[in-house]
Amino acid sequence: MTKWFVAEEKGARLDIFLLGKFPEFSRSHIKNMIEKGCVKVDEKIEKKAGFLLKNGSKIQVEVLEPEKISAEAEDIALDIVFQDEDLLVVNKPQGLVVHPCASTKHGTLVNALMFHVKDLSGINGQLRPGIVHRLDKDTSGLLVVAKNDFAHRSLAEQIKEKSAKRDYLAILEGNLPENEGTIETFLKRDPKDRKKISVQNSGRKAITHYKVLQRFEKCCLVQFSLETGRTHQIRVHAKFLNHPVVGDKLYGHEVKGLDGQLLHAFRLSFTHPRTQKQMTFEVPPPKYFEDFLKKQRKIDTRA
């Protein structure tokens, strides 16, 4: 099926323009259509999602229907730290994807939630029920999940307004020169590798605070606090400091014996949507994280 449109204003991004024309499609699907050459601008194929349209530009779209993905309940063990009628807090293990996607249709946190929890907020649709925020597949730690739309809207607003706090522990390669600091950059998709996010001169502002907790010969234990919540934010900012997270295969180096980065969301604070009480949860890092720390303490020969 082919559809035609005319740009109503100058300077609109192609992907944003098409999102307005196809509200039923996700941004990733719009981007996929563009990159596959399904979109022409003034009779020329345009494969850049960020292409800026001119007023009056004619856009032709060969519409690709997204692959149908459904989320089904699966009996997957969950570490539920807290639960009531409005929400639950989960300690997500490393290796667990948060929600189904084209590459991972089963075995996700959402599949597990659908099995263990009777009701979940429907704001994010059937593939992301109850999901207010996410963690990368190989990042462990705390997530809050909404059971109803009332709780979802409140929690999402707290994250947007930065009143909800998320703190992480990470082990970084080498030693940071400063004991604490703040990283403030712009982040967006890396033009050379679509799997990566990189620091650039424009994009979405990202702010991360850090504090070194312990130093070893070849690495350091660092606490990170997010002021914004961008994709891969801590991992990209650690690389920006030239001290990637240990075990980060995408932004650093693969480490024998580790399945992914040593990054753990250990503390989560928010105001309960119904009771208005301040709630704070903490979970220690997983065993492989602690084992790595113990090993560093044993081999640290500094006086």
C-alpha atoms as a PDB file:
ATOM      1  CA  MET A   1       0.000   0.000   0.000  1.00  0.00           C
ATOM      2  CA  THR A   2       1.322   3.431  -0.982  1.00  0.00           C
ATOM      3  CA  LYS A   3       0.438   6.699   0.729  1.00  0.00           C
ATOM      4  CA  TRP A   4       1.336  10.276  -0.193  1.00  0.00           C
ATOM      5  CA  PHE A   5       1.714  13.329   2.049  1.00  0.00           C
ATOM      6  CA  VAL A   6       2.838  16.947   1.767  1.00  0.00           C
ATOM      7  CA  ALA A   7       5.001  18.571   4.455  1.00  0.00           C
ATOM      8  CA  GLU A   8       3.156  21.464   6.070  1.00  0.00           C
ATOM      9  CA  GLU A   9       6.184  23.201   7.585  1.00  0.00           C
ATOM     10  CA  LYS A  10       9.898  23.660   7.058  1.00  0.00           C
ATOM     11  CA  GLY A  11      12.423  21.825   9.207  1.00  0.00           C
ATOM     12  CA  ALA A  12      10.286  18.910  10.421  1.00  0.00           C
ATOM     13  CA  ARG A  13      12.192  15.635  10.900  1.00  0.00           C
ATOM     14  CA  LEU A  14      11.077  12.930   8.511  1.00  0.00           C
ATOM     15  CA  ASP A  15      10.522  10.296  11.231  1.00  0.00           C
ATOM     16  CA  ILE A  16       8.581  12.699  13.462  1.00  0.00           C
ATOM     17  CA  PHE A  17       6.447  13.801  10.514  1.00  0.00           C
ATOM     18  CA  LEU A  18       5.581  10.194   9.659  1.00  0.00           C
ATOM     19  CA  LEU A  19       4.816   9.352  13.281  1.00  0.00           C
ATOM     20  CA  GLY A  20       2.068  11.958  13.090  1.00  0.00           C
ATOM     21  CA  LYS A  21       0.698  10.333   9.957  1.00  0.00           C
ATOM     22  CA  PHE A  22       0.945   6.773  11.297  1.00  0.00           C
ATOM     23  CA  PRO A  23       0.090   7.013  15.025  1.00  0.00           C
ATOM     24  CA  GLU A  24      -0.491   3.268  15.140  1.00  0.00           C
ATOM     25  CA  PHE A  25       3.202   2.620  14.354  1.00  0.00           C
ATOM     26  CA  SER A  26       6.100   2.800  16.803  1.00  0.00           C
ATOM     27  CA  ARG A  27       9.007   5.149  16.181  1.00  0.00           C
ATOM     28  CA  SER A  28      11.302   2.151  15.635  1.00  0.00           C
ATOM     29  CA  HIS A  29       8.998   0.804  12.931  1.00  0.00           C
ATOM     30  CA  ILE A  30       8.881   4.194  11.203  1.00  0.00           C
ATOM     31  CA  LYS A  31      12.682   4.298  11.302  1.00  0.00           C
ATOM     32  CA  ASN A  32      12.826   0.753   9.932  1.00  0.00           C
ATOM     33  CA  MET A  33      10.654   1.704   6.945  1.00  0.00           C
ATOM     34  CA  ILE A  34      12.854   4.709   6.220  1.00  0.00           C
ATOM     35  CA  GLU A  35      16.096   2.730   6.441  1.00  0.00           C
ATOM     36  CA  LYS A  36      14.692   0.020   4.161  1.00  0.00           C
ATOM     37  CA  GLY A  37      14.090   2.594   1.429  1.00  0.00           C
ATOM     38  CA  CYS A  38      10.313   2.637   1.688  1.00  0.00           C
ATOM     39  CA  VAL A  39      10.130   6.432   1.835  1.00  0.00           C
ATOM     40  CA  LYS A  40      10.694   8.932  -0.965  1.00  0.00           C
ATOM     41  CA  VAL A  41      10.981  12.683  -0.507  1.00  0.00           C
ATOM     42  CA  ASP A  42      10.380  14.671  -3.697  1.00  0.00           C
ATOM     43  CA  GLU A  43      10.768  11.429  -5.694  1.00  0.00           C
ATOM     44  CA  LYS A  44      14.138  10.498  -4.150  1.00  0.00           C
ATOM     45  CA  ILE A  45      14.581   7.639  -1.662  1.00  0.00           C
ATOM     46  CA  GLU A  46      15.506   9.051   1.745  1.00  0.00           C
ATOM     47  CA  LYS A  47      17.053   6.648   4.294  1.00  0.00           C
ATOM     48  CA  LYS A  48      17.855   9.133   7.068  1.00  0.00           C
ATOM     49  CA  ALA A  49      15.234   9.285   9.819  1.00  0.00           C
ATOM     50  CA  GLY A  50      16.467  12.735  10.851  1.00  0.00           C
ATOM     51  CA  PHE A  51      16.186  14.221   7.352  1.00  0.00           C
ATOM     52  CA  LEU A  52      14.726  17.746   7.569  1.00  0.00           C
ATOM     53  CA  LEU A  53      11.772  18.345   5.312  1.00  0.00           C
ATOM     54  CA  LYS A  54      11.072  21.487   3.328  1.00  0.00           C
ATOM     55  CA  ASN A  55       7.713  23.194   3.322  1.00  0.00           C
ATOM     56  CA  GLY A  56       5.741  21.592   0.512  1.00  0.00           C
ATOM     57  CA  SER A  57       7.949  18.501   0.188  1.00  0.00           C
ATOM     58  CA  LYS A  58       6.078  15.535  -1.254  1.00  0.00           C
ATOM     59  CA  ILE A  59       6.491  12.310   0.712  1.00  0.00           C
ATOM     60  CA  GLN A  60       5.679   8.906  -0.729  1.00  0.00           C
ATOM     61  CA  VAL A  61       5.513   5.905   1.615  1.00  0.00           C
ATOM     62  CA  GLU A  62       5.377   2.228   0.726  1.00  0.00           C
ATOM     63  CA  VAL A  63       3.744   1.107   3.949  1.00  0.00           C
ATOM     64  CA  LEU A  64       5.174  -1.956   5.699  1.00  0.00           C
ATOM     65  CA  GLU A  65       2.919  -3.500   8.310  1.00  0.00           C
ATOM     66  CA  PRO A  66       4.832  -4.241  11.546  1.00  0.00           C
ATOM     67  CA  GLU A  67       5.470  -7.836  12.469  1.00  0.00           C
ATOM     68  CA  LYS A  68       2.773  -9.039  14.822  1.00  0.00           C
ATOM     69  CA  ILE A  69       4.167  -9.684  18.288  1.00  0.00           C
ATOM     70  CA  SER A  70       2.064 -10.760  21.237  1.00  0.00           C
ATOM     71  CA  ALA A  71       3.040 -11.106  24.856  1.00  0.00           C
ATOM     72  CA  GLU A  72       1.959 -14.282  26.599  1.00  0.00           C
ATOM     73  CA  ALA A  73       2.167 -15.274  30.239  1.00  0.00           C
ATOM     74  CA  GLU A  74       5.181 -17.457  31.007  1.00  0.00           C
ATOM     75  CA  ASP A  75       6.140 -19.156  34.267  1.00  0.00           C
ATOM     76  CA  ILE A  76       9.438 -17.336  34.851  1.00  0.00           C
ATOM     77  CA  ALA A  77      10.697 -16.809  38.398  1.00  0.00           C
ATOM     78  CA  LEU A  78      10.559 -13.229  39.663  1.00  0.00           C
ATOM     79  CA  ASP A  79      12.265 -11.616  42.652  1.00  0.00           C
ATOM     80  CA  ILE A  80       9.430  -9.378  43.873  1.00  0.00           C
ATOM     81  CA  VAL A  81      10.751  -6.982  46.534  1.00  0.00           C
ATOM     82  CA  PHE A  82       7.418  -5.261  47.249  1.00  0.00           C
ATOM     83  CA  GLN A  83       3.841  -5.522  46.041  1.00  0.00           C
ATOM     84  CA  ASP A  84       0.475  -3.937  46.810  1.00  0.00           C
ATOM     85  CA  GLU A  85      -2.722  -3.155  44.890  1.00  0.00           C
ATOM     86  CA  ASP A  86      -1.100  -0.352  42.876  1.00  0.00           C
ATOM     87  CA  LEU A  87       2.445  -1.412  42.058  1.00  0.00           C
ATOM     88  CA  LEU A  88       5.261  -3.848  42.538  1.00  0.00           C
ATOM     89  CA  VAL A  89       9.018  -3.475  42.757  1.00  0.00           C
ATOM     90  CA  VAL A  90      11.073  -6.162  41.051  1.00  0.00           C
ATOM     91  CA  ASN A  91      14.759  -7.025  41.307  1.00  0.00           C
ATOM     92  CA  LYS A  92      15.561  -7.844  37.672  1.00  0.00           C
ATOM     93  CA  PRO A  93      18.408 -10.297  37.041  1.00  0.00           C
ATOM     94  CA  GLN A  94      21.112  -9.784  34.440  1.00  0.00           C
ATOM     95  CA  GLY A  95      20.172 -11.309  31.091  1.00  0.00           C
ATOM     96  CA  LEU A  96      16.417 -10.684  31.346  1.00  0.00           C
ATOM     97  CA  VAL A  97      14.951  -8.445  28.619  1.00  0.00           C
ATOM     98  CA  VAL A  98      12.240  -6.129  29.958  1.00  0.00           C
ATOM     99  CA  HIS A  99       9.611  -6.448  27.205  1.00  0.00           C
ATOM    100  CA  PRO A 100       9.078  -8.425  23.970  1.00  0.00           C
ATOM    101  CA  CYS A 101      10.377  -7.079  20.683  1.00  0.00           C
ATOM    102  CA  ALA A 102      11.041  -8.421  17.191  1.00  0.00           C
ATOM    103  CA  SER A 103      14.301 -10.085  18.272  1.00  0.00           C
ATOM    104  CA  THR A 104      13.073 -11.330  21.679  1.00  0.00           C
ATOM    105  CA  LYS A 105       9.474 -12.507  21.704  1.00  0.00           C
ATOM    106  CA  HIS A 106       9.558 -14.746  24.778  1.00  0.00           C
ATOM    107  CA  GLY A 107      11.272 -15.045  28.144  1.00  0.00           C
ATOM    108  CA  THR A 108      11.006 -11.360  29.069  1.00  0.00           C
ATOM    109  CA  LEU A 109      10.070  -9.581  32.283  1.00  0.00           C
ATOM    110  CA  VAL A 110       6.666  -8.766  30.787  1.00  0.00           C
ATOM    111  CA  ASN A 111       6.004 -12.451  30.069  1.00  0.00           C
ATOM    112  CA  ALA A 112       6.850 -13.211  33.703  1.00  0.00           C
ATOM    113  CA  LEU A 113       4.713 -10.346  35.031  1.00  0.00           C
ATOM    114  CA  MET A 114       1.708 -11.538  33.059  1.00  0.00           C
ATOM    115  CA  PHE A 115       2.015 -14.927  34.772  1.00  0.00           C
ATOM    116  CA  HIS A 116       2.555 -13.662  38.331  1.00  0.00           C
ATOM    117  CA  VAL A 117       0.408 -10.502  38.395  1.00  0.00           C
ATOM    118  CA  LYS A 118      -3.330 -10.439  37.789  1.00  0.00           C
ATOM    119  CA  ASP A 119      -3.615  -6.810  36.640  1.00  0.00           C
ATOM    120  CA  LEU A 120      -1.125  -4.475  34.978  1.00  0.00           C
ATOM    121  CA  SER A 121      -1.439  -0.932  33.676  1.00  0.00           C
ATOM    122  CA  GLY A 122      -2.413  -0.830  30.016  1.00  0.00           C
ATOM    123  CA  ILE A 123      -0.950   2.601  29.230  1.00  0.00           C
ATOM    124  CA  ASN A 124       2.026   1.204  27.286  1.00  0.00           C
ATOM    125  CA  GLY A 125      -0.051  -1.321  25.339  1.00  0.00           C
ATOM    126  CA  GLN A 126      -0.056  -5.102  25.346  1.00  0.00           C
ATOM    127  CA  LEU A 127       3.709  -5.471  24.800  1.00  0.00           C
ATOM    128  CA  ARG A 128       4.724  -3.247  27.713  1.00  0.00           C
ATOM    129  CA  PRO A 129       1.946  -3.587  30.308  1.00  0.00           C
ATOM    130  CA  GLY A 130       2.867  -1.907  33.577  1.00  0.00           C
ATOM    131  CA  ILE A 131       6.340  -0.899  32.383  1.00  0.00           C
ATOM    132  CA  VAL A 132       7.142   2.596  33.670  1.00  0.00           C
ATOM    133  CA  HIS A 133      10.916   2.564  33.064  1.00  0.00           C
ATOM    134  CA  ARG A 134      13.464   0.037  31.828  1.00  0.00           C
ATOM    135  CA  LEU A 135      16.849  -1.496  32.459  1.00  0.00           C
ATOM    136  CA  ASP A 136      19.150  -2.859  29.768  1.00  0.00           C
ATOM    137  CA  LYS A 137      19.135  -6.625  29.326  1.00  0.00           C
ATOM    138  CA  ASP A 138      22.494  -7.099  31.051  1.00  0.00           C
ATOM    139  CA  THR A 139      21.896  -4.537  33.803  1.00  0.00           C
ATOM    140  CA  SER A 140      20.481  -5.945  37.037  1.00  0.00           C
ATOM    141  CA  GLY A 141      18.450  -4.286  39.738  1.00  0.00           C
ATOM    142  CA  LEU A 142      15.278  -2.521  40.770  1.00  0.00           C
ATOM    143  CA  LEU A 143      12.304  -1.662  38.575  1.00  0.00           C
ATOM    144  CA  VAL A 144       8.888  -0.359  39.601  1.00  0.00           C
ATOM    145  CA  VAL A 145       5.896  -1.761  37.711  1.00  0.00           C
ATOM    146  CA  ALA A 146       2.416  -0.198  37.693  1.00  0.00           C
ATOM    147  CA  LYS A 147      -0.683  -2.323  38.227  1.00  0.00           C
ATOM    148  CA  ASN A 148      -3.158   0.324  37.106  1.00  0.00           C
ATOM    149  CA  ASP A 149      -3.222   3.463  34.983  1.00  0.00           C
ATOM    150  CA  PHE A 150      -3.553   5.730  38.023  1.00  0.00           C
ATOM    151  CA  ALA A 151      -0.261   4.461  39.445  1.00  0.00           C
ATOM    152  CA  HIS A 152       1.387   4.437  36.020  1.00  0.00           C
ATOM    153  CA  ARG A 153       0.641   8.100  35.341  1.00  0.00           C
ATOM    154  CA  SER A 154       1.904   9.136  38.772  1.00  0.00           C
ATOM    155  CA  LEU A 155       5.141   7.134  38.570  1.00  0.00           C
ATOM    156  CA  ALA A 156       5.854   8.242  35.004  1.00  0.00           C
ATOM    157  CA  GLU A 157       5.355  11.871  36.018  1.00  0.00           C
ATOM    158  CA  GLN A 158       7.758  11.448  38.958  1.00  0.00           C
ATOM    159  CA  ILE A 159      10.418  10.083  36.630  1.00  0.00           C
ATOM    160  CA  LYS A 160       9.789  12.904  34.163  1.00  0.00           C
ATOM    161  CA  GLU A 161       9.947  15.543  36.917  1.00  0.00           C
ATOM    162  CA  LYS A 162      13.061  13.879  38.453  1.00  0.00           C
ATOM    163  CA  SER A 163      11.421  13.376  41.855  1.00  0.00           C
ATOM    164  CA  ALA A 164      11.856   9.606  41.537  1.00  0.00           C
ATOM    165  CA  LYS A 165      15.489   8.691  42.208  1.00  0.00           C
ATOM    166  CA  ARG A 166      17.517   5.841  40.707  1.00  0.00           C
ATOM    167  CA  ASP A 167      20.970   4.975  41.980  1.00  0.00           C
ATOM    168  CA  TYR A 168      23.378   2.442  40.504  1.00  0.00           C
ATOM    169  CA  LEU A 169      26.582   0.671  41.398  1.00  0.00           C
ATOM    170  CA  ALA A 170      29.125   0.000  38.665  1.00  0.00           C
ATOM    171  CA  ILE A 171      32.663  -1.255  38.423  1.00  0.00           C
ATOM    172  CA  LEU A 172      34.640   0.772  35.886  1.00  0.00           C
ATOM    173  CA  GLU A 173      37.822  -0.077  34.042  1.00  0.00           C
ATOM    174  CA  GLY A 174      40.794   1.801  35.489  1.00  0.00           C
ATOM    175  CA  ASN A 175      40.471   4.651  38.004  1.00  0.00           C
ATOM    176  CA  LEU A 176      38.603   7.898  37.582  1.00  0.00           C
ATOM    177  CA  PRO A 177      40.831  10.932  38.225  1.00  0.00           C
ATOM    178  CA  GLU A 178      38.195  12.662  40.363  1.00  0.00           C
ATOM    179  CA  ASN A 179      36.395  11.252  43.395  1.00  0.00           C
ATOM    180  CA  GLU A 180      33.070  12.686  42.303  1.00  0.00           C
ATOM    181  CA  GLY A 181      31.546  14.771  39.556  1.00  0.00           C
ATOM    182  CA  THR A 182      28.744  15.344  37.086  1.00  0.00           C
ATOM    183  CA  ILE A 183      28.635  14.419  33.411  1.00  0.00           C
ATOM    184  CA  GLU A 184      26.342  16.559  31.233  1.00  0.00           C
ATOM    185  CA  THR A 185      26.228  15.875  27.502  1.00  0.00           C
ATOM    186  CA  PHE A 186      23.912  15.394  24.555  1.00  0.00           C
ATOM    187  CA  LEU A 187      23.216  11.803  23.520  1.00  0.00           C
ATOM    188  CA  LYS A 188      21.748  10.296  20.388  1.00  0.00           C
ATOM    189  CA  ARG A 189      22.017   7.272  18.129  1.00  0.00           C
ATOM    190  CA  ASP A 190      25.547   6.735  16.821  1.00  0.00           C
ATOM    191  CA  PRO A 191      25.562   7.406  13.043  1.00  0.00           C
ATOM    192  CA  LYS A 192      28.228   4.720  12.476  1.00  0.00           C
ATOM    193  CA  ASP A 193      26.672   1.967  14.609  1.00  0.00           C
ATOM    194  CA  ARG A 194      22.903   1.945  15.121  1.00  0.00           C
ATOM    195  CA  LYS A 195      23.228  -0.357  18.138  1.00  0.00           C
ATOM    196  CA  LYS A 196      25.102   2.339  20.038  1.00  0.00           C
ATOM    197  CA  ILE A 197      24.298   5.688  21.603  1.00  0.00           C
ATOM    198  CA  SER A 198      27.069   8.278  21.564  1.00  0.00           C
ATOM    199  CA  VAL A 199      27.925  11.720  22.922  1.00  0.00           C
ATOM    200  CA  GLN A 200      27.318  14.311  20.197  1.00  0.00           C
ATOM    201  CA  ASN A 201      26.908  18.057  19.753  1.00  0.00           C
ATOM    202  CA  SER A 202      23.130  17.774  19.712  1.00  0.00           C
ATOM    203  CA  GLY A 203      20.463  15.331  20.788  1.00  0.00           C
ATOM    204  CA  ARG A 204      18.812  14.670  24.152  1.00  0.00           C
ATOM    205  CA  LYS A 205      20.439  16.180  27.223  1.00  0.00           C
ATOM    206  CA  ALA A 206      21.775  13.580  29.648  1.00  0.00           C
ATOM    207  CA  ILE A 207      22.986  14.302  33.203  1.00  0.00           C
ATOM    208  CA  THR A 208      24.695  11.723  35.406  1.00  0.00           C
ATOM    209  CA  HIS A 209      26.231  12.253  38.858  1.00  0.00           C
ATOM    210  CA  TYR A 210      28.974   9.928  40.095  1.00  0.00           C
ATOM    211  CA  LYS A 211      30.985   9.211  43.242  1.00  0.00           C
ATOM    212  CA  VAL A 212      33.926   6.815  43.591  1.00  0.00           C
ATOM    213  CA  LEU A 213      33.306   4.440  46.512  1.00  0.00           C
ATOM    214  CA  GLN A 214      36.406   2.273  46.318  1.00  0.00           C
ATOM    215  CA  ARG A 215      39.554   2.132  44.218  1.00  0.00           C
ATOM    216  CA  PHE A 216      41.580  -0.903  43.165  1.00  0.00           C
ATOM    217  CA  GLU A 217      44.675  -1.334  41.017  1.00  0.00           C
ATOM    218  CA  LYS A 218      42.835  -1.801  37.730  1.00  0.00           C
ATOM    219  CA  CYS A 219      39.258  -0.722  38.411  1.00  0.00           C
ATOM    220  CA  CYS A 220      37.025   1.279  40.729  1.00  0.00           C
ATOM    221  CA  LEU A 221      33.602   0.890  42.337  1.00  0.00           C
ATOM    222  CA  VAL A 222      31.391   3.875  41.513  1.00  0.00           C
ATOM    223  CA  GLN A 223      27.922   5.025  42.512  1.00  0.00           C
ATOM    224  CA  PHE A 224      25.910   6.680  39.742  1.00  0.00           C
ATOM    225  CA  SER A 225      22.739   8.757  40.168  1.00  0.00           C
ATOM    226  CA  LEU A 226      20.578   9.588  37.182  1.00  0.00           C
ATOM    227  CA  GLU A 227      19.097  13.031  36.704  1.00  0.00           C
ATOM    228  CA  THR A 228      17.834  12.032  33.263  1.00  0.00           C
ATOM    229  CA  GLY A 229      17.039   8.559  31.967  1.00  0.00           C
ATOM    230  CA  ARG A 230      18.388   8.154  28.452  1.00  0.00           C
ATOM    231  CA  THR A 231      19.049   4.876  26.680  1.00  0.00           C
ATOM    232  CA  HIS A 232      22.408   3.376  27.833  1.00  0.00           C
ATOM    233  CA  GLN A 233      23.106   6.638  29.697  1.00  0.00           C
ATOM    234  CA  ILE A 234      25.490   5.386  32.399  1.00  0.00           C
ATOM    235  CA  ARG A 235      27.294   3.046  30.000  1.00  0.00           C
ATOM    236  CA  VAL A 236      27.826   5.820  27.431  1.00  0.00           C
ATOM    237  CA  HIS A 237      28.908   8.358  30.038  1.00  0.00           C
ATOM    238  CA  ALA A 238      31.367   5.858  31.533  1.00  0.00           C
ATOM    239  CA  LYS A 239      32.884   5.387  28.093  1.00  0.00           C
ATOM    240  CA  PHE A 240      32.922   9.182  27.633  1.00  0.00           C
ATOM    241  CA  LEU A 241      35.116   9.354  30.756  1.00  0.00           C
ATOM    242  CA  ASN A 242      37.406   6.748  29.112  1.00  0.00           C
ATOM    243  CA  HIS A 243      36.543   4.267  31.869  1.00  0.00           C
ATOM    244  CA  PRO A 244      33.872   1.901  30.482  1.00  0.00           C
ATOM    245  CA  VAL A 245      31.830  -0.365  32.724  1.00  0.00           C
ATOM    246  CA  VAL A 246      33.669  -3.648  33.258  1.00  0.00           C
ATOM    247  CA  GLY A 247      32.212  -6.394  31.059  1.00  0.00           C
ATOM    248  CA  ASP A 248      30.336  -3.985  28.749  1.00  0.00           C
ATOM    249  CA  LYS A 249      30.619  -5.739  25.396  1.00  0.00           C
ATOM    250  CA  LEU A 250      29.101  -2.827  23.474  1.00  0.00           C
ATOM    251  CA  TYR A 251      30.956   0.163  24.930  1.00  0.00           C
ATOM    252  CA  GLY A 252      33.967  -1.451  26.542  1.00  0.00           C
ATOM    253  CA  HIS A 253      35.508  -4.902  26.550  1.00  0.00           C
ATOM    254  CA  GLU A 254      34.239  -8.417  27.006  1.00  0.00           C
ATOM    255  CA  VAL A 255      35.560 -10.028  30.187  1.00  0.00           C
ATOM    256  CA  LYS A 256      36.029 -13.763  30.519  1.00  0.00           C
ATOM    257  CA  GLY A 257      33.666 -15.190  33.107  1.00  0.00           C
ATOM    258  CA  LEU A 258      31.192 -12.299  32.892  1.00  0.00           C
ATOM    259  CA  ASP A 259      27.948 -12.379  30.887  1.00  0.00           C
ATOM    260  CA  GLY A 260      27.613  -8.621  30.666  1.00  0.00           C
ATOM    261  CA  GLN A 261      28.378  -5.287  32.294  1.00  0.00           C
ATOM    262  CA  LEU A 262      28.855  -4.923  36.055  1.00  0.00           C
ATOM    263  CA  LEU A 263      26.058  -2.388  36.456  1.00  0.00           C
ATOM    264  CA  HIS A 264      23.370  -2.767  39.115  1.00  0.00           C
ATOM    265  CA  ALA A 265      20.388  -0.546  40.000  1.00  0.00           C
ATOM    266  CA  PHE A 266      20.699  -0.914  43.770  1.00  0.00           C
ATOM    267  CA  ARG A 267      18.372   1.830  45.036  1.00  0.00           C
ATOM    268  CA  LEU A 268      14.999   3.170  43.896  1.00  0.00           C
ATOM    269  CA  SER A 269      13.002   5.960  45.588  1.00  0.00           C
ATOM    270  CA  PHE A 270       9.573   7.366  44.719  1.00  0.00           C
ATOM    271  CA  THR A 271       6.361   8.646  46.281  1.00  0.00           C
ATOM    272  CA  HIS A 272       3.603   6.065  46.456  1.00  0.00           C
ATOM    273  CA  PRO A 273       0.843   7.250  44.066  1.00  0.00           C
ATOM    274  CA  ARG A 274      -2.013   6.517  46.482  1.00  0.00           C
ATOM    275  CA  THR A 275      -0.621   6.911  50.016  1.00  0.00           C
ATOM    276  CA  GLN A 276       1.826   9.715  49.091  1.00  0.00           C
ATOM    277  CA  LYS A 277       4.418   8.089  51.350  1.00  0.00           C
ATOM    278  CA  GLN A 278       8.072   8.246  50.332  1.00  0.00           C
ATOM    279  CA  MET A 279       9.301   4.744  49.531  1.00  0.00           C
ATOM    280  CA  THR A 280      12.923   3.644  49.167  1.00  0.00           C
ATOM    281  CA  PHE A 281      14.105   0.171  48.235  1.00  0.00           C
ATOM    282  CA  GLU A 282      17.632  -1.213  48.140  1.00  0.00           C
ATOM    283  CA  VAL A 283      19.013  -4.569  46.963  1.00  0.00           C
ATOM    284  CA  PRO A 284      22.650  -5.687  47.061  1.00  0.00           C
ATOM    285  CA  PRO A 285      24.502  -6.486  43.835  1.00  0.00           C
ATOM    286  CA  PRO A 286      24.239 -10.065  42.531  1.00  0.00           C
ATOM    287  CA  LYS A 287      26.796 -12.721  43.453  1.00  0.00           C
ATOM    288  CA  TYR A 288      28.904 -12.400  40.287  1.00  0.00           C
ATOM    289  CA  PHE A 289      29.267  -8.662  40.996  1.00  0.00           C
ATOM    290  CA  GLU A 290      30.314  -9.265  44.606  1.00  0.00           C
ATOM    291  CA  ASP A 291      32.670 -12.078  43.554  1.00  0.00           C
ATOM    292  CA  PHE A 292      34.428  -9.738  41.143  1.00  0.00           C
ATOM    293  CA  LEU A 293      34.870  -7.178  43.944  1.00  0.00           C
ATOM    294  CA  LYS A 294      36.279  -9.813  46.303  1.00  0.00           C
ATOM    295  CA  LYS A 295      38.777 -10.834  43.646  1.00  0.00           C
ATOM    296  CA  GLN A 296      39.908  -7.212  43.213  1.00  0.00           C
ATOM    297  CA  ARG A 297      40.415  -6.864  46.967  1.00  0.00           C
ATOM    298  CA  LYS A 298      42.593  -9.983  47.033  1.00  0.00           C
ATOM    299  CA  ILE A 299      44.830  -8.917  44.147  1.00  0.00           C
ATOM    300  CA  ASP A 300      45.090  -5.270  45.219  1.00  0.00           C
ATOM    301  CA  THR A 301      48.717  -5.038  46.350  1.00  0.00           C
ATOM    302  CA  ARG A 302      48.787  -1.327  47.145  1.00  0.00           C
ATOM    303  CA  ALA A 303      49.829  -0.395  50.659  1.00  0.00           C
END
